[in-house]
Amino acid sequence: MRKNNSHLIQSSKKEITPIHVRDAIINCFYEAHEDVLNEMFEVTNYSSDEKSKMTKYNHIRIMIKTLFNRVNGDFNNPDKDSLIKVIDQCAQYAQNYRDDETIEKNYNKIMDMINKLD
């Protein structure tokens, strides 16, 4: 990732829930692939930058939801197993766009969160 998005995936003193992890996956993937998203959506004319960002974010959210379906997980009620399977899928996909070091760094950050789940 070129941007520092550690605030999106850092654990806080609050209990980490599977929903927190799922949302961290979405945020991390969005920020890591923002340049690709910009290329994909460059011909689209939005009335504002905010609308453009929301469209790209929703694109990633739908992609992650699709990955949950692919691994027979529940996007709205994720469990540890499905979260691991989804980040495995994300890492595979990211190999098309990112170097191994970046993928491993982000994978490990999300795994740290997953490992803190009860």
C-alpha atoms as a PDB file:
ATOM      1  CA  MET A   1       0.000   0.000   0.000  1.00  0.00           C
ATOM      2  CA  ARG A   2       1.302   3.392  -0.803  1.00  0.00           C
ATOM      3  CA  LYS A   3      -0.877   5.144   1.742  1.00  0.00           C
ATOM      4  CA  ASN A   4      -0.634   4.702   5.469  1.00  0.00           C
ATOM      5  CA  ASN A   5      -3.925   3.114   6.351  1.00  0.00           C
ATOM      6  CA  SER A   6      -2.878   1.677   9.672  1.00  0.00           C
ATOM      7  CA  HIS A   7      -5.710   3.589  11.334  1.00  0.00           C
ATOM      8  CA  LEU A   8      -8.103   1.374   9.379  1.00  0.00           C
ATOM      9  CA  ILE A   9      -6.733  -1.917  10.569  1.00  0.00           C
ATOM     10  CA  GLN A  10      -5.136  -1.220  13.921  1.00  0.00           C
ATOM     11  CA  SER A  11      -6.638  -2.929  16.867  1.00  0.00           C
ATOM     12  CA  SER A  12      -7.925  -0.675  19.572  1.00  0.00           C
ATOM     13  CA  LYS A  13      -8.680  -1.330  23.215  1.00  0.00           C
ATOM     14  CA  LYS A  14     -12.203  -2.244  22.162  1.00  0.00           C
ATOM     15  CA  GLU A  15     -12.941  -5.866  21.458  1.00  0.00           C
ATOM     16  CA  ILE A  16     -12.269  -6.800  17.860  1.00  0.00           C
ATOM     17  CA  THR A  17     -15.273  -8.399  16.222  1.00  0.00           C
ATOM     18  CA  PRO A  18     -15.549 -10.283  12.932  1.00  0.00           C
ATOM     19  CA  ILE A  19     -17.420  -7.258  11.533  1.00  0.00           C
ATOM     20  CA  HIS A  20     -14.447  -5.020  12.424  1.00  0.00           C
ATOM     21  CA  VAL A  21     -12.158  -7.415  10.578  1.00  0.00           C
ATOM     22  CA  ARG A  22     -14.474  -7.608   7.565  1.00  0.00           C
ATOM     23  CA  ASP A  23     -14.604  -3.811   7.375  1.00  0.00           C
ATOM     24  CA  ALA A  24     -10.818  -3.609   7.755  1.00  0.00           C
ATOM     25  CA  ILE A  25     -10.459  -5.978   4.795  1.00  0.00           C
ATOM     26  CA  ILE A  26     -12.683  -3.725   2.697  1.00  0.00           C
ATOM     27  CA  ASN A  27     -10.844  -0.557   3.737  1.00  0.00           C
ATOM     28  CA  CYS A  28      -7.407  -2.064   3.262  1.00  0.00           C
ATOM     29  CA  PHE A  29      -8.252  -3.468  -0.147  1.00  0.00           C
ATOM     30  CA  TYR A  30      -9.830  -0.175  -1.230  1.00  0.00           C
ATOM     31  CA  GLU A  31      -6.771   1.850  -0.279  1.00  0.00           C
ATOM     32  CA  ALA A  32      -4.298  -0.672  -1.675  1.00  0.00           C
ATOM     33  CA  HIS A  33      -6.027  -0.690  -5.056  1.00  0.00           C
ATOM     34  CA  GLU A  34      -7.155   2.907  -5.317  1.00  0.00           C
ATOM     35  CA  ASP A  35      -4.910   3.508  -8.333  1.00  0.00           C
ATOM     36  CA  VAL A  36      -6.468   0.531 -10.152  1.00  0.00           C
ATOM     37  CA  LEU A  37      -9.941   1.778  -9.240  1.00  0.00           C
ATOM     38  CA  ASN A  38      -9.077   5.235 -10.563  1.00  0.00           C
ATOM     39  CA  GLU A  39      -8.106   3.684 -13.890  1.00  0.00           C
ATOM     40  CA  MET A  40     -11.267   1.578 -14.006  1.00  0.00           C
ATOM     41  CA  PHE A  41     -13.538   4.520 -13.289  1.00  0.00           C
ATOM     42  CA  GLU A  42     -11.622   7.318 -15.044  1.00  0.00           C
ATOM     43  CA  VAL A  43     -14.147   7.700 -17.852  1.00  0.00           C
ATOM     44  CA  THR A  44     -17.040   8.035 -15.422  1.00  0.00           C
ATOM     45  CA  ASN A  45     -18.187  11.574 -14.720  1.00  0.00           C
ATOM     46  CA  TYR A  46     -19.303  12.051 -11.139  1.00  0.00           C
ATOM     47  CA  SER A  47     -20.789  15.202  -9.710  1.00  0.00           C
ATOM     48  CA  SER A  48     -18.267  15.147  -6.860  1.00  0.00           C
ATOM     49  CA  ASP A  49     -15.096  13.467  -5.648  1.00  0.00           C
ATOM     50  CA  GLU A  50     -17.059  12.097  -2.707  1.00  0.00           C
ATOM     51  CA  LYS A  51     -19.528  10.351  -5.010  1.00  0.00           C
ATOM     52  CA  SER A  52     -16.626   8.943  -7.001  1.00  0.00           C
ATOM     53  CA  LYS A  53     -14.952   7.607  -3.849  1.00  0.00           C
ATOM     54  CA  MET A  54     -18.196   6.064  -2.612  1.00  0.00           C
ATOM     55  CA  THR A  55     -18.739   4.310  -5.947  1.00  0.00           C
ATOM     56  CA  LYS A  56     -15.228   2.852  -5.871  1.00  0.00           C
ATOM     57  CA  TYR A  57     -15.592   1.856  -2.216  1.00  0.00           C
ATOM     58  CA  ASN A  58     -18.915   0.155  -2.966  1.00  0.00           C
ATOM     59  CA  HIS A  59     -17.253  -1.684  -5.847  1.00  0.00           C
ATOM     60  CA  ILE A  60     -14.719  -3.149  -3.391  1.00  0.00           C
ATOM     61  CA  ARG A  61     -17.445  -3.885  -0.847  1.00  0.00           C
ATOM     62  CA  ILE A  62     -19.375  -5.859  -3.473  1.00  0.00           C
ATOM     63  CA  MET A  63     -16.203  -7.678  -4.473  1.00  0.00           C
ATOM     64  CA  ILE A  64     -15.532  -8.683  -0.854  1.00  0.00           C
ATOM     65  CA  LYS A  65     -19.161  -9.743  -0.469  1.00  0.00           C
ATOM     66  CA  THR A  66     -18.743 -11.915  -3.566  1.00  0.00           C
ATOM     67  CA  LEU A  67     -15.633 -13.490  -2.049  1.00  0.00           C
ATOM     68  CA  PHE A  68     -17.602 -14.365   1.082  1.00  0.00           C
ATOM     69  CA  ASN A  69     -20.178 -16.072  -1.123  1.00  0.00           C
ATOM     70  CA  ARG A  70     -17.424 -17.903  -3.008  1.00  0.00           C
ATOM     71  CA  VAL A  71     -16.020 -19.350   0.244  1.00  0.00           C
ATOM     72  CA  ASN A  72     -19.513 -20.144   1.577  1.00  0.00           C
ATOM     73  CA  GLY A  73     -19.182 -17.432   4.214  1.00  0.00           C
ATOM     74  CA  ASP A  74     -21.712 -14.939   5.483  1.00  0.00           C
ATOM     75  CA  PHE A  75     -20.755 -11.335   4.700  1.00  0.00           C
ATOM     76  CA  ASN A  76     -23.184 -10.015   7.325  1.00  0.00           C
ATOM     77  CA  ASN A  77     -22.114 -12.485  10.000  1.00  0.00           C
ATOM     78  CA  PRO A  78     -18.532 -13.488   9.205  1.00  0.00           C
ATOM     79  CA  ASP A  79     -16.665 -16.078  11.216  1.00  0.00           C
ATOM     80  CA  LYS A  80     -12.953 -16.597  11.657  1.00  0.00           C
ATOM     81  CA  ASP A  81     -12.768 -19.345   9.043  1.00  0.00           C
ATOM     82  CA  SER A  82     -14.527 -17.346   6.340  1.00  0.00           C
ATOM     83  CA  LEU A  83     -12.415 -14.253   7.098  1.00  0.00           C
ATOM     84  CA  ILE A  84      -9.233 -16.277   6.581  1.00  0.00           C
ATOM     85  CA  LYS A  85     -10.567 -17.733   3.345  1.00  0.00           C
ATOM     86  CA  VAL A  86     -11.529 -14.261   2.110  1.00  0.00           C
ATOM     87  CA  ILE A  87      -8.114 -12.731   2.825  1.00  0.00           C
ATOM     88  CA  ASP A  88      -6.533 -15.714   1.065  1.00  0.00           C
ATOM     89  CA  GLN A  89      -8.698 -14.860  -1.959  1.00  0.00           C
ATOM     90  CA  CYS A  90      -7.780 -11.173  -1.668  1.00  0.00           C
ATOM     91  CA  ALA A  91      -4.074 -12.029  -1.573  1.00  0.00           C
ATOM     92  CA  GLN A  92      -4.453 -14.152  -4.701  1.00  0.00           C
ATOM     93  CA  TYR A  93      -6.244 -11.334  -6.518  1.00  0.00           C
ATOM     94  CA  ALA A  94      -3.725  -8.732  -5.356  1.00  0.00           C
ATOM     95  CA  GLN A  95      -0.877 -10.687  -6.988  1.00  0.00           C
ATOM     96  CA  ASN A  96      -2.092  -9.217 -10.277  1.00  0.00           C
ATOM     97  CA  TYR A  97      -1.413  -5.677  -9.056  1.00  0.00           C
ATOM     98  CA  ARG A  98       0.955  -5.666  -6.063  1.00  0.00           C
ATOM     99  CA  ASP A  99       4.351  -6.977  -5.087  1.00  0.00           C
ATOM    100  CA  ASP A 100       4.673  -9.895  -2.676  1.00  0.00           C
ATOM    101  CA  GLU A 101       6.049  -7.737   0.132  1.00  0.00           C
ATOM    102  CA  THR A 102       3.042  -5.411   0.107  1.00  0.00           C
ATOM    103  CA  ILE A 103       0.615  -8.315  -0.046  1.00  0.00           C
ATOM    104  CA  GLU A 104       2.313 -10.120   2.835  1.00  0.00           C
ATOM    105  CA  LYS A 105       2.436  -6.966   4.964  1.00  0.00           C
ATOM    106  CA  ASN A 106      -1.285  -6.298   4.566  1.00  0.00           C
ATOM    107  CA  TYR A 107      -2.204  -9.972   4.880  1.00  0.00           C
ATOM    108  CA  ASN A 108      -0.326 -10.157   8.178  1.00  0.00           C
ATOM    109  CA  LYS A 109      -2.022  -7.033   9.524  1.00  0.00           C
ATOM    110  CA  ILE A 110      -5.437  -8.526   8.877  1.00  0.00           C
ATOM    111  CA  MET A 111      -4.339 -11.921  10.248  1.00  0.00           C
ATOM    112  CA  ASP A 112      -3.231 -10.166  13.449  1.00  0.00           C
ATOM    113  CA  MET A 113      -6.782  -8.917  13.821  1.00  0.00           C
ATOM    114  CA  ILE A 114      -8.262 -12.322  13.029  1.00  0.00           C
ATOM    115  CA  ASN A 115      -5.992 -13.962  15.603  1.00  0.00           C
ATOM    116  CA  LYS A 116      -7.413 -11.642  18.267  1.00  0.00           C
ATOM    117  CA  LEU A 117     -10.938 -12.861  17.665  1.00  0.00           C
ATOM    118  CA  ASP A 118     -12.373 -15.052  20.410  1.00  0.00           C
END
